[in-house]
C-alpha atoms as a PDB file:
ATOM      1  CA  MET A   1     -75.605  71.039-173.265  1.00  0.00           C
ATOM      2  CA  ARG A   2     -72.793  69.261-171.441  1.00  0.00           C
ATOM      3  CA  LYS A   3     -71.566  70.689-168.171  1.00  0.00           C
ATOM      4  CA  VAL A   4     -69.751  74.010-167.974  1.00  0.00           C
ATOM      5  CA  VAL A   5     -67.768  74.886-164.861  1.00  0.00           C
ATOM      6  CA  ILE A   6     -67.984  78.501-163.739  1.00  0.00           C
ATOM      7  CA  ASN A   7     -64.891  80.058-162.198  1.00  0.00           C
ATOM      8  CA  GLY A   8     -66.177  80.904-158.714  1.00  0.00           C
ATOM      9  CA  LYS A   9     -63.142  82.740-157.366  1.00  0.00           C
ATOM     10  CA  PHE A  10     -65.209  85.953-157.361  1.00  0.00           C
ATOM     11  CA  LEU A  11     -67.198  84.613-154.387  1.00  0.00           C
ATOM     12  CA  THR A  12     -64.027  84.775-152.269  1.00  0.00           C
ATOM     13  CA  GLN A  13     -63.327  88.432-153.139  1.00  0.00           C
ATOM     14  CA  ARG A  14     -64.612  91.737-151.863  1.00  0.00           C
ATOM     15  CA  GLN A  15     -67.405  92.905-154.110  1.00  0.00           C
ATOM     16  CA  THR A  16     -66.694  95.620-156.660  1.00  0.00           C
ATOM     17  CA  GLY A  17     -68.343  96.043-160.066  1.00  0.00           C
ATOM     18  CA  ALA A  18     -66.629  93.015-161.591  1.00  0.00           C
ATOM     19  CA  GLN A  19     -67.701  90.678-158.781  1.00  0.00           C
ATOM     20  CA  ARG A  20     -71.210  92.133-158.894  1.00  0.00           C
ATOM     21  CA  TYR A  21     -71.410  91.379-162.617  1.00  0.00           C
ATOM     22  CA  ALA A  22     -70.299  87.784-162.063  1.00  0.00           C
ATOM     23  CA  ARG A  23     -72.750  87.215-159.190  1.00  0.00           C
ATOM     24  CA  GLU A  24     -75.726  88.559-161.109  1.00  0.00           C
ATOM     25  CA  ILE A  25     -74.940  86.657-164.309  1.00  0.00           C
ATOM     26  CA  VAL A  26     -74.605  83.381-162.365  1.00  0.00           C
ATOM     27  CA  THR A  27     -77.897  84.075-160.550  1.00  0.00           C
ATOM     28  CA  TYR A  28     -79.720  84.435-163.860  1.00  0.00           C
ATOM     29  CA  LEU A  29     -77.890  81.537-165.514  1.00  0.00           C
ATOM     30  CA  ASP A  30     -79.341  79.408-162.723  1.00  0.00           C
ATOM     31  CA  LYS A  31     -82.834  80.476-163.809  1.00  0.00           C
ATOM     32  CA  LEU A  32     -82.141  79.904-167.511  1.00  0.00           C
ATOM     33  CA  SER A  33     -80.295  76.604-167.362  1.00  0.00           C
ATOM     34  CA  LEU A  34     -81.309  73.007-166.791  1.00  0.00           C
ATOM     35  CA  SER A  35     -80.005  70.940-163.918  1.00  0.00           C
ATOM     36  CA  GLY A  36     -76.546  69.588-164.755  1.00  0.00           C
ATOM     37  CA  GLU A  37     -75.608  72.192-167.371  1.00  0.00           C
ATOM     38  CA  PHE A  38     -73.480  74.333-165.054  1.00  0.00           C
ATOM     39  CA  ALA A  39     -71.407  73.832-161.918  1.00  0.00           C
ATOM     40  CA  LEU A  40     -69.985  76.684-159.883  1.00  0.00           C
ATOM     41  CA  VAL A  41     -66.502  75.658-158.745  1.00  0.00           C
ATOM     42  CA  ILE A  42     -64.937  77.519-155.801  1.00  0.00           C
ATOM     43  CA  PRO A  43     -61.919  77.074-153.513  1.00  0.00           C
ATOM     44  CA  LYS A  44     -62.396  75.107-150.311  1.00  0.00           C
ATOM     45  CA  GLY A  45     -63.219  77.372-147.381  1.00  0.00           C
ATOM     46  CA  GLU A  46     -65.948  79.161-145.459  1.00  0.00           C
ATOM     47  CA  TRP A  47     -67.589  81.331-148.085  1.00  0.00           C
ATOM     48  CA  LYS A  48     -71.027  82.892-148.344  1.00  0.00           C
ATOM     49  CA  ILE A  49     -72.463  80.843-151.208  1.00  0.00           C
ATOM     50  CA  PRO A  50     -75.792  81.781-152.864  1.00  0.00           C
ATOM     51  CA  LYS A  51     -78.473  79.104-153.073  1.00  0.00           C
ATOM     52  CA  PHE A  52     -79.117  77.784-156.570  1.00  0.00           C
ATOM     53  CA  LYS A  53     -81.835  75.616-158.055  1.00  0.00           C
ATOM     54  CA  ASN A  54     -80.037  74.198-161.086  1.00  0.00           C
ATOM     55  CA  ILE A  55     -76.357  75.073-160.651  1.00  0.00           C
ATOM     56  CA  GLU A  56     -74.289  72.620-158.632  1.00  0.00           C
ATOM     57  CA  VAL A  57     -71.699  74.115-156.260  1.00  0.00           C
ATOM     58  CA  VAL A  58     -68.398  72.228-155.991  1.00  0.00           C
ATOM     59  CA  GLN A  59     -65.560  73.139-153.620  1.00  0.00           C
ATOM     60  CA  ILE A  60     -62.127  71.958-154.696  1.00  0.00           C
ATOM     61  CA  GLY A  61     -58.516  72.301-153.504  1.00  0.00           C
ATOM     62  CA  PRO A  62     -55.662  72.706-153.081  1.00  0.00           C
ATOM     63  CA  PHE A  63     -54.639  76.387-153.040  1.00  0.00           C
ATOM     64  CA  LYS A  64     -56.566  79.625-152.978  1.00  0.00           C
ATOM     65  CA  GLY A  65     -56.349  82.867-154.911  1.00  0.00           C
ATOM     66  CA  VAL A  66     -54.234  83.053-158.067  1.00  0.00           C
ATOM     67  CA  LEU A  67     -52.767  79.546-157.695  1.00  0.00           C
ATOM     68  CA  TRP A  68     -56.255  78.064-157.351  1.00  0.00           C
ATOM     69  CA  GLU A  69     -57.463  79.919-160.438  1.00  0.00           C
ATOM     70  CA  GLN A  70     -54.420  79.100-162.560  1.00  0.00           C
ATOM     71  CA  ILE A  71     -53.731  75.498-161.427  1.00  0.00           C
ATOM     72  CA  THR A  72     -56.540  73.856-159.449  1.00  0.00           C
ATOM     73  CA  LEU A  73     -59.475  75.053-161.564  1.00  0.00           C
ATOM     74  CA  PRO A  74     -58.098  74.282-165.045  1.00  0.00           C
ATOM     75  CA  LEU A  75     -56.777  70.864-163.968  1.00  0.00           C
ATOM     76  CA  TYR A  76     -60.238  70.041-162.585  1.00  0.00           C
ATOM     77  CA  ALA A  77     -61.820  71.077-165.903  1.00  0.00           C
ATOM     78  CA  ILE A  78     -59.310  69.085-167.953  1.00  0.00           C
ATOM     79  CA  ILE A  79     -59.686  65.931-165.835  1.00  0.00           C
ATOM     80  CA  HIS A  80     -63.495  66.108-165.994  1.00  0.00           C
ATOM     81  CA  LYS A  81     -63.493  67.112-169.681  1.00  0.00           C
ATOM     82  CA  VAL A  82     -65.648  70.179-169.140  1.00  0.00           C
ATOM     83  CA  THR A  83     -65.561  73.779-170.371  1.00  0.00           C
ATOM     84  CA  CYS A  84     -64.574  76.804-168.254  1.00  0.00           C
ATOM     85  CA  LEU A  85     -66.574  80.018-167.986  1.00  0.00           C
ATOM     86  CA  SER A  86     -64.787  82.932-166.271  1.00  0.00           C
ATOM     87  CA  LEU A  87     -66.908  86.019-165.600  1.00  0.00           C
ATOM     88  CA  CYS A  88     -64.576  88.309-163.688  1.00  0.00           C
ATOM     89  CA  ASN A  89     -61.786  89.576-166.003  1.00  0.00           C
ATOM     90  CA  VAL A  90     -59.336  86.730-165.260  1.00  0.00           C
ATOM     91  CA  ALA A  91     -59.357  83.277-166.870  1.00  0.00           C
ATOM     92  CA  PRO A  92     -56.936  80.349-166.442  1.00  0.00           C
ATOM     93  CA  LEU A  93     -54.023  80.680-168.836  1.00  0.00           C
ATOM     94  CA  ILE A  94     -54.203  77.021-169.882  1.00  0.00           C
ATOM     95  CA  LYS A  95     -58.002  76.918-170.224  1.00  0.00           C
ATOM     96  CA  PRO A  96     -59.504  80.339-171.023  1.00  0.00           C
ATOM     97  CA  ASP A  97     -62.478  78.833-172.971  1.00  0.00           C
ATOM     98  CA  PHE A  98     -65.275  81.395-172.328  1.00  0.00           C
ATOM     99  CA  SER A  99     -63.846  84.480-170.641  1.00  0.00           C
ATOM    100  CA  THR A 100     -64.877  88.024-169.754  1.00  0.00           C
ATOM    101  CA  ILE A 101     -62.858  91.220-170.164  1.00  0.00           C
ATOM    102  CA  PHE A 102     -64.544  94.400-168.971  1.00  0.00           C
ATOM    103  CA  ASP A 103     -62.265  97.148-170.251  1.00  0.00           C
ATOM    104  CA  MET A 104     -58.862  98.077-171.625  1.00  0.00           C
ATOM    105  CA  LYS A 105     -57.704 100.397-168.812  1.00  0.00           C
ATOM    106  CA  ILE A 106     -54.551  98.352-168.383  1.00  0.00           C
ATOM    107  CA  ASN A 107     -53.624  99.282-171.980  1.00  0.00           C
ATOM    108  CA  SER A 108     -55.026 102.794-172.269  1.00  0.00           C
ATOM    109  CA  HIS A 109     -53.899 104.041-168.831  1.00  0.00           C
ATOM    110  CA  PRO A 110     -51.011 101.793-167.733  1.00  0.00           C
ATOM    111  CA  GLN A 111     -49.567 104.536-165.514  1.00  0.00           C
ATOM    112  CA  PHE A 112     -52.378 103.993-163.004  1.00  0.00           C
ATOM    113  CA  TYR A 113     -51.250 100.474-162.109  1.00  0.00           C
ATOM    114  CA  GLY A 114     -48.328  98.921-160.305  1.00  0.00           C
ATOM    115  CA  ARG A 115     -45.738  97.245-162.548  1.00  0.00           C
ATOM    116  CA  ASN A 116     -46.416  93.624-161.505  1.00  0.00           C
ATOM    117  CA  PHE A 117     -50.184  94.002-161.774  1.00  0.00           C
ATOM    118  CA  ARG A 118     -49.828  95.652-165.181  1.00  0.00           C
ATOM    119  CA  LEU A 119     -47.588  92.920-166.593  1.00  0.00           C
ATOM    120  CA  TRP A 120     -49.793  90.130-165.237  1.00  0.00           C
ATOM    121  CA  TYR A 121     -52.982  91.514-166.731  1.00  0.00           C
ATOM    122  CA  LYS A 122     -51.379  92.212-170.095  1.00  0.00           C
ATOM    123  CA  LEU A 123     -50.309  88.549-170.182  1.00  0.00           C
ATOM    124  CA  LEU A 124     -53.817  87.403-169.217  1.00  0.00           C
ATOM    125  CA  PHE A 125     -55.575  89.589-171.784  1.00  0.00           C
ATOM    126  CA  ALA A 126     -53.185  88.651-174.594  1.00  0.00           C
ATOM    127  CA  ASN A 127     -53.854  84.992-173.823  1.00  0.00           C
ATOM    128  CA  GLN A 128     -57.627  85.395-173.528  1.00  0.00           C
ATOM    129  CA  THR A 129     -58.022  87.395-176.721  1.00  0.00           C
ATOM    130  CA  LYS A 130     -55.981  84.809-178.607  1.00  0.00           C
ATOM    131  CA  ARG A 131     -57.236  81.534-177.124  1.00  0.00           C
ATOM    132  CA  SER A 132     -60.742  82.028-175.734  1.00  0.00           C
ATOM    133  CA  ILE A 133     -63.626  80.545-177.683  1.00  0.00           C
ATOM    134  CA  LYS A 134     -65.715  83.634-176.902  1.00  0.00           C
ATOM    135  CA  ILE A 135     -64.967  86.795-174.924  1.00  0.00           C
ATOM    136  CA  PHE A 136     -67.849  88.531-173.201  1.00  0.00           C
ATOM    137  CA  THR A 137     -67.604  92.234-172.460  1.00  0.00           C
ATOM    138  CA  ASP A 138     -69.939  94.854-171.043  1.00  0.00           C
ATOM    139  CA  SER A 139     -70.482  97.349-173.885  1.00  0.00           C
ATOM    140  CA  GLU A 140     -69.970  97.960-177.584  1.00  0.00           C
ATOM    141  CA  ASP A 141     -67.356 100.557-176.690  1.00  0.00           C
ATOM    142  CA  ALA A 142     -65.415  97.983-174.651  1.00  0.00           C
ATOM    143  CA  LYS A 143     -65.487  95.681-177.683  1.00  0.00           C
ATOM    144  CA  SER A 144     -64.145  98.471-179.899  1.00  0.00           C
ATOM    145  CA  GLU A 145     -61.350  99.177-177.430  1.00  0.00           C
ATOM    146  CA  MET A 146     -60.393  95.495-177.327  1.00  0.00           C
ATOM    147  CA  LEU A 147     -60.198  95.348-181.118  1.00  0.00           C
ATOM    148  CA  LYS A 148     -58.011  98.455-181.020  1.00  0.00           C
ATOM    149  CA  TYR A 149     -55.386  96.797-178.820  1.00  0.00           C
ATOM    150  CA  TYR A 150     -55.598  93.160-179.949  1.00  0.00           C
ATOM    151  CA  SER A 151     -55.659  91.712-183.446  1.00  0.00           C
ATOM    152  CA  LEU A 152     -58.567  89.287-183.782  1.00  0.00           C
ATOM    153  CA  THR A 153     -59.285  87.534-187.067  1.00  0.00           C
ATOM    154  CA  ASN A 154     -62.948  87.259-186.068  1.00  0.00           C
ATOM    155  CA  PRO A 155     -64.394  90.361-184.304  1.00  0.00           C
ATOM    156  CA  ASN A 156     -67.578  88.388-183.575  1.00  0.00           C
ATOM    157  CA  LYS A 157     -65.563  86.436-181.060  1.00  0.00           C
ATOM    158  CA  ILE A 158     -66.188  89.389-178.712  1.00  0.00           C
ATOM    159  CA  VAL A 159     -69.794  89.524-177.521  1.00  0.00           C
ATOM    160  CA  PRO A 160     -71.200  92.491-175.563  1.00  0.00           C
ATOM    161  CA  ALA A 161     -73.413  91.574-172.595  1.00  0.00           C
ATOM    162  CA  TYR A 162     -74.185  94.756-170.684  1.00  0.00           C
ATOM    163  CA  GLY A 163     -74.088  95.296-166.945  1.00  0.00           C
ATOM    164  CA  SER A 164     -77.313  96.327-165.228  1.00  0.00           C
ATOM    165  CA  TRP A 165     -78.981  97.593-162.055  1.00  0.00           C
ATOM    166  CA  GLN A 166     -81.827  95.265-160.944  1.00  0.00           C
ATOM    167  CA  HIS A 167     -79.814  93.976-157.978  1.00  0.00           C
ATOM    168  CA  PHE A 168     -80.520  97.367-156.367  1.00  0.00           C
ATOM    169  CA  GLU A 169     -84.261  96.684-156.333  1.00  0.00           C
ATOM    170  CA  GLY A 170     -83.785  94.265-153.446  1.00  0.00           C
ATOM    171  CA  VAL A 171     -81.760  96.741-151.375  1.00  0.00           C
ATOM    172  CA  ASP A 172     -83.558  98.713-148.644  1.00  0.00           C
ATOM    173  CA  TYR A 173     -82.861 102.336-147.778  1.00  0.00           C
ATOM    174  CA  ASP A 174     -81.092 103.023-144.484  1.00  0.00           C
ATOM    175  CA  GLU A 175     -82.669 106.167-143.068  1.00  0.00           C
ATOM    176  CA  ASN A 176     -79.884 106.590-140.492  1.00  0.00           C
ATOM    177  CA  THR A 177     -77.242 107.047-143.197  1.00  0.00           C
ATOM    178  CA  LEU A 178     -77.216 110.826-143.545  1.00  0.00           C
ATOM    179  CA  SER A 179     -76.966 111.470-139.816  1.00  0.00           C
ATOM    180  CA  LYS A 180     -74.166 108.879-139.589  1.00  0.00           C
ATOM    181  CA  TYR A 181     -72.081 110.768-142.160  1.00  0.00           C
ATOM    182  CA  GLY A 182     -73.151 114.298-141.220  1.00  0.00           C
ATOM    183  CA  LEU A 183     -74.959 115.055-144.474  1.00  0.00           C
ATOM    184  CA  GLN A 184     -78.257 116.791-145.305  1.00  0.00           C
ATOM    185  CA  ARG A 185     -80.733 115.585-147.876  1.00  0.00           C
ATOM    186  CA  GLY A 186     -80.448 117.521-151.141  1.00  0.00           C
ATOM    187  CA  HIS A 187     -77.383 119.449-149.956  1.00  0.00           C
ATOM    188  CA  TYR A 188     -74.470 117.351-151.207  1.00  0.00           C
ATOM    189  CA  TYR A 189     -73.019 115.698-154.312  1.00  0.00           C
ATOM    190  CA  PHE A 190     -72.140 112.013-154.120  1.00  0.00           C
ATOM    191  CA  ALA A 191     -69.612 109.776-155.881  1.00  0.00           C
ATOM    192  CA  MET A 192     -68.846 106.104-155.276  1.00  0.00           C
ATOM    193  CA  GLY A 193     -66.412 103.499-156.552  1.00  0.00           C
ATOM    194  CA  SER A 194     -63.088 101.899-155.831  1.00  0.00           C
ATOM    195  CA  LEU A 195     -60.673 104.770-155.245  1.00  0.00           C
ATOM    196  CA  GLU A 196     -58.453 103.929-158.175  1.00  0.00           C
ATOM    197  CA  PRO A 197     -56.854 106.699-160.247  1.00  0.00           C
ATOM    198  CA  ASN A 198     -58.950 105.794-163.291  1.00  0.00           C
ATOM    199  CA  LYS A 199     -62.114 106.738-161.399  1.00  0.00           C
ATOM    200  CA  ASN A 200     -60.719 110.290-161.335  1.00  0.00           C
ATOM    201  CA  PHE A 201     -61.932 111.339-157.899  1.00  0.00           C
ATOM    202  CA  LYS A 202     -59.339 114.080-158.257  1.00  0.00           C
ATOM    203  CA  TRP A 203     -62.033 115.759-160.382  1.00  0.00           C
ATOM    204  CA  VAL A 204     -64.389 115.708-157.395  1.00  0.00           C
ATOM    205  CA  ALA A 205     -61.656 117.145-155.150  1.00  0.00           C
ATOM    206  CA  GLU A 206     -60.798 119.952-157.563  1.00  0.00           C
ATOM    207  CA  VAL A 207     -64.453 120.805-158.299  1.00  0.00           C
ATOM    208  CA  ALA A 208     -65.063 120.866-154.526  1.00  0.00           C
ATOM    209  CA  LYS A 209     -62.351 123.528-154.218  1.00  0.00           C
ATOM    210  CA  CYS A 210     -64.062 125.561-156.962  1.00  0.00           C
ATOM    211  CA  ASN A 211     -67.454 125.235-155.209  1.00  0.00           C
ATOM    212  CA  PRO A 212     -66.694 125.852-151.502  1.00  0.00           C
ATOM    213  CA  ASN A 213     -70.359 126.335-150.573  1.00  0.00           C
ATOM    214  CA  ASP A 214     -71.300 122.816-151.696  1.00  0.00           C
ATOM    215  CA  MET A 215     -70.595 119.509-149.915  1.00  0.00           C
ATOM    216  CA  PHE A 216     -69.069 116.533-151.734  1.00  0.00           C
ATOM    217  CA  ALA A 217     -69.106 112.956-150.392  1.00  0.00           C
ATOM    218  CA  VAL A 218     -67.115 110.049-151.838  1.00  0.00           C
ATOM    219  CA  ALA A 219     -67.552 106.381-150.857  1.00  0.00           C
ATOM    220  CA  GLY A 220     -65.023 103.682-151.680  1.00  0.00           C
ATOM    221  CA  SER A 221     -61.735 102.134-150.667  1.00  0.00           C
ATOM    222  CA  LEU A 222     -58.261 102.010-152.209  1.00  0.00           C
ATOM    223  CA  ASN A 223     -56.299  98.850-153.012  1.00  0.00           C
ATOM    224  CA  THR A 224     -52.699 100.018-152.582  1.00  0.00           C
ATOM    225  CA  LYS A 225     -51.405  96.634-153.831  1.00  0.00           C
ATOM    226  CA  VAL A 226     -52.842  97.342-157.279  1.00  0.00           C
ATOM    227  CA  PHE A 227     -52.783 101.066-157.889  1.00  0.00           C
ATOM    228  CA  ALA A 228     -49.518 102.891-158.229  1.00  0.00           C
ATOM    229  CA  ASP A 229     -49.847 106.378-156.766  1.00  0.00           C
ATOM    230  CA  GLY A 230     -52.378 106.263-153.932  1.00  0.00           C
ATOM    231  CA  LEU A 231     -55.255 108.747-154.051  1.00  0.00           C
ATOM    232  CA  GLY A 232     -53.378 111.326-156.106  1.00  0.00           C
ATOM    233  CA  PHE A 233     -55.314 114.272-154.632  1.00  0.00           C
ATOM    234  CA  ASP A 234     -55.892 116.243-151.433  1.00  0.00           C
ATOM    235  CA  CYS A 235     -59.329 116.720-149.907  1.00  0.00           C
ATOM    236  CA  SER A 236     -60.696 120.174-149.168  1.00  0.00           C
ATOM    237  CA  LYS A 237     -62.854 120.898-146.113  1.00  0.00           C
ATOM    238  CA  ASN A 238     -66.075 120.445-148.095  1.00  0.00           C
ATOM    239  CA  MET A 239     -65.167 116.914-149.272  1.00  0.00           C
ATOM    240  CA  LYS A 240     -65.788 113.810-147.159  1.00  0.00           C
ATOM    241  CA  LEU A 241     -64.205 110.411-147.771  1.00  0.00           C
ATOM    242  CA  LEU A 242     -66.723 107.953-146.327  1.00  0.00           C
ATOM    243  CA  GLY A 243     -64.732 104.755-146.911  1.00  0.00           C
ATOM    244  CA  PHE A 244     -66.607 101.524-147.637  1.00  0.00           C
ATOM    245  CA  VAL A 245     -70.399 101.837-147.343  1.00  0.00           C
ATOM    246  CA  SER A 246     -73.050  99.118-147.368  1.00  0.00           C
ATOM    247  CA  ASP A 247     -75.481  98.722-150.264  1.00  0.00           C
ATOM    248  CA  GLU A 248     -78.230 100.141-148.060  1.00  0.00           C
ATOM    249  CA  GLU A 249     -76.159 103.209-147.236  1.00  0.00           C
ATOM    250  CA  ALA A 250     -75.092 103.652-150.860  1.00  0.00           C
ATOM    251  CA  LYS A 251     -78.678 103.526-152.083  1.00  0.00           C
ATOM    252  CA  THR A 252     -79.716 106.154-149.550  1.00  0.00           C
ATOM    253  CA  LEU A 253     -76.755 108.406-150.318  1.00  0.00           C
ATOM    254  CA  MET A 254     -77.622 108.197-154.021  1.00  0.00           C
ATOM    255  CA  ARG A 255     -81.308 108.956-153.497  1.00  0.00           C
ATOM    256  CA  ASP A 256     -80.691 112.014-151.328  1.00  0.00           C
ATOM    257  CA  ALA A 257     -77.857 113.610-153.318  1.00  0.00           C
ATOM    258  CA  LYS A 258     -78.234 116.616-155.612  1.00  0.00           C
ATOM    259  CA  ALA A 259     -76.483 114.567-158.288  1.00  0.00           C
ATOM    260  CA  PHE A 260     -74.333 111.464-158.632  1.00  0.00           C
ATOM    261  CA  LEU A 261     -70.806 112.112-159.932  1.00  0.00           C
ATOM    262  CA  PHE A 262     -68.943 109.681-162.198  1.00  0.00           C
ATOM    263  CA  PRO A 263     -65.926 111.449-163.761  1.00  0.00           C
ATOM    264  CA  SER A 264     -63.968 108.354-164.893  1.00  0.00           C
ATOM    265  CA  PHE A 265     -61.270 108.567-167.550  1.00  0.00           C
ATOM    266  CA  CYS A 266     -62.158 105.104-168.918  1.00  0.00           C
ATOM    267  CA  GLU A 267     -64.899 102.539-168.277  1.00  0.00           C
ATOM    268  CA  GLY A 268     -66.097  99.312-169.822  1.00  0.00           C
ATOM    269  CA  PHE A 269     -69.602 100.036-168.561  1.00  0.00           C
ATOM    270  CA  GLY A 270     -69.953 101.673-165.136  1.00  0.00           C
ATOM    271  CA  MET A 271     -72.846 100.447-162.995  1.00  0.00           C
ATOM    272  CA  PRO A 272     -72.927 103.105-160.233  1.00  0.00           C
ATOM    273  CA  PRO A 273     -74.688 105.834-162.280  1.00  0.00           C
ATOM    274  CA  LEU A 274     -77.401 103.330-163.258  1.00  0.00           C
ATOM    275  CA  GLU A 275     -77.723 102.273-159.620  1.00  0.00           C
ATOM    276  CA  ALA A 276     -78.072 105.943-158.687  1.00  0.00           C
ATOM    277  CA  LEU A 277     -80.901 106.507-161.175  1.00  0.00           C
ATOM    278  CA  SER A 278     -82.665 103.357-159.971  1.00  0.00           C
ATOM    279  CA  ALA A 279     -82.330 104.587-156.359  1.00  0.00           C
ATOM    280  CA  GLY A 280     -84.100 107.849-157.192  1.00  0.00           C
ATOM    281  CA  CYS A 281     -81.186 110.216-157.728  1.00  0.00           C
ATOM    282  CA  PRO A 282     -82.502 113.122-159.824  1.00  0.00           C
ATOM    283  CA  ARG A 283     -79.499 113.371-162.173  1.00  0.00           C
ATOM    284  CA  VAL A 284     -76.076 111.934-162.982  1.00  0.00           C
ATOM    285  CA  ILE A 285     -72.927 113.791-164.024  1.00  0.00           C
ATOM    286  CA  VAL A 286     -70.625 111.582-166.099  1.00  0.00           C
ATOM    287  CA  SER A 287     -67.490 111.901-168.210  1.00  0.00           C
ATOM    288  CA  ASP A 288     -67.782 112.844-171.845  1.00  0.00           C
ATOM    289  CA  ILE A 289     -66.406 109.495-173.057  1.00  0.00           C
ATOM    290  CA  PRO A 290     -67.958 107.162-175.668  1.00  0.00           C
ATOM    291  CA  VAL A 291     -69.284 104.489-173.312  1.00  0.00           C
ATOM    292  CA  MET A 292     -71.229 107.021-171.214  1.00  0.00           C
ATOM    293  CA  HIS A 293     -72.969 108.281-174.363  1.00  0.00           C
ATOM    294  CA  GLU A 294     -73.677 104.675-175.324  1.00  0.00           C
ATOM    295  CA  ILE A 295     -75.375 104.028-171.991  1.00  0.00           C
ATOM    296  CA  PHE A 296     -77.125 107.326-171.212  1.00  0.00           C
ATOM    297  CA  GLU A 297     -77.629 108.875-174.656  1.00  0.00           C
ATOM    298  CA  TYR A 298     -79.021 112.339-173.717  1.00  0.00           C
ATOM    299  CA  ASN A 299     -80.045 111.531-170.151  1.00  0.00           C
ATOM    300  CA  ALA A 300     -76.930 112.664-168.312  1.00  0.00           C
ATOM    301  CA  ILE A 301     -74.788 115.750-167.798  1.00  0.00           C
ATOM    302  CA  PHE A 302     -71.467 115.256-169.595  1.00  0.00           C
ATOM    303  CA  ILE A 303     -68.270 116.855-168.274  1.00  0.00           C
ATOM    304  CA  ASN A 304     -64.651 117.019-169.375  1.00  0.00           C
ATOM    305  CA  PRO A 305     -62.825 114.815-166.832  1.00  0.00           C
ATOM    306  CA  ASN A 306     -59.758 117.058-167.160  1.00  0.00           C
ATOM    307  CA  GLN A 307     -61.597 120.345-166.551  1.00  0.00           C
ATOM    308  CA  TYR A 308     -62.307 121.488-162.994  1.00  0.00           C
ATOM    309  CA  ASP A 309     -63.622 125.062-163.163  1.00  0.00           C
ATOM    310  CA  TYR A 310     -67.301 124.154-163.217  1.00  0.00           C
ATOM    311  CA  ASP A 311     -70.001 125.980-161.281  1.00  0.00           C
ATOM    312  CA  ILE A 312     -71.675 122.723-160.381  1.00  0.00           C
ATOM    313  CA  ASP A 313     -75.017 124.209-159.282  1.00  0.00           C
ATOM    314  CA  ASP A 314     -75.332 125.968-162.659  1.00  0.00           C
ATOM    315  CA  LEU A 315     -74.389 122.708-164.359  1.00  0.00           C
ATOM    316  CA  ILE A 316     -77.250 120.736-162.811  1.00  0.00           C
ATOM    317  CA  ALA A 317     -79.765 123.548-163.286  1.00  0.00           C
ATOM    318  CA  LEU A 318     -79.736 122.911-167.039  1.00  0.00           C
ATOM    319  CA  SER A 319     -80.360 119.172-166.809  1.00  0.00           C
ATOM    320  CA  THR A 320     -83.307 116.907-167.450  1.00  0.00           C
ATOM    321  CA  CYS A 321     -83.193 113.131-167.096  1.00  0.00           C
ATOM    322  CA  ASP A 322     -85.615 110.432-168.181  1.00  0.00           C
ATOM    323  CA  ALA A 323     -84.359 107.714-165.835  1.00  0.00           C
ATOM    324  CA  LYS A 324     -86.909 105.147-166.998  1.00  0.00           C
ATOM    325  CA  SER A 325     -85.784 105.302-170.632  1.00  0.00           C
ATOM    326  CA  VAL A 326     -82.219 104.569-169.520  1.00  0.00           C
ATOM    327  CA  LEU A 327     -83.030 101.835-167.028  1.00  0.00           C
ATOM    328  CA  ASP A 328     -85.434 100.015-169.358  1.00  0.00           C
ATOM    329  CA  ARG A 329     -82.612  99.312-171.812  1.00  0.00           C
ATOM    330  CA  PHE A 330     -80.612  97.126-169.448  1.00  0.00           C
ATOM    331  CA  SER A 331     -81.317  93.949-167.514  1.00  0.00           C
ATOM    332  CA  TRP A 332     -79.316  91.088-166.028  1.00  0.00           C
ATOM    333  CA  GLU A 333     -81.775  88.690-167.616  1.00  0.00           C
ATOM    334  CA  LYS A 334     -81.039  89.983-171.133  1.00  0.00           C
ATOM    335  CA  SER A 335     -77.282  89.814-170.621  1.00  0.00           C
ATOM    336  CA  SER A 336     -77.438  86.346-169.098  1.00  0.00           C
ATOM    337  CA  LYS A 337     -79.497  85.094-172.059  1.00  0.00           C
ATOM    338  CA  ILE A 338     -76.811  86.385-174.424  1.00  0.00           C
ATOM    339  CA  ILE A 339     -74.094  84.511-172.531  1.00  0.00           C
ATOM    340  CA  TYR A 340     -76.175  81.350-172.108  1.00  0.00           C
ATOM    341  CA  ASN A 341     -77.166  81.206-175.782  1.00  0.00           C
ATOM    342  CA  GLN A 342     -73.610  81.804-176.995  1.00  0.00           C
ATOM    343  CA  ILE A 343     -72.259  78.973-174.842  1.00  0.00           C
ATOM    344  CA  LYS A 344     -75.109  76.624-175.686  1.00  0.00           C
ATOM    345  CA  GLN A 345     -74.773  77.237-179.417  1.00  0.00           C
ATOM    346  CA  ILE A 346     -71.055  76.458-179.459  1.00  0.00           C
ATOM    347  CA  ILE A 347     -71.073  73.488-177.083  1.00  0.00           C
ATOM    348  CA  ASN A 348     -74.023  71.835-178.783  1.00  0.00           C
END
């Protein structure tokens, strides 16, 4: 297979689920590939770059950010006559080649996003669905949603490659976490994610008001440059916003919670509930939306994300969860093999 250049902009960004997906796929592509098949191309600068055995790392300029991704990267690929692989939602307009789109939130819930961000991503996705050789996504439901909003002559152009959880195996617990945040083991509910409206942390806030004797903790930060209306809810006295937490703190908070809460309106996949199960959380409460049924089958508690009058302790009392049967279905290695084989088949 001739060389493929991987869009490495994700290494310059704060890590959310999309950046985590890209990092883990590249890590496993390094194990699957031969020397010279892939190069990870990133902007010039002081970045924390993983060590690879077979993937070459190339720093190129000029520019950073959007200009680097839309001008510097594709020109480099064109000059060197190589193929681009973008793993983090955005691909160069003039060279989308192999791209990744995680979900259709920008289409299904446009009201959650600022106008400029919304228009930019609709342009990107229209271009990628039309001109990419293959589009990778993170679930069958995400594929169905993409086909709903974009007309593709060949549905097989979209290839699901699930997210996973094994990155959490290498994360240690931080036993000082609960005292740091004023929480008690087994006496709180925990939710985590970027505090965007789609994540529906308003549900947590409203359920907290309906359950004043329970404690609710939420970890995450809000990007006010992207999302239109701020938090969109008020916190009651029994709800704590923890802000950004480390992986070690997150793993501990998940393990020691009564349940992990994930009330999203829309997801392509949603790694945090899987991370919670892998950390030892006894149960997960997730939205009653198709992708959550695809991932968890019967091993989750499903809630209406628009209904708040739950007695949450009664809700969890009825639950059973076979975490192993869920976790065994997903792996970064499987997903990376899907991506690697698709690229190899087409390029060869």
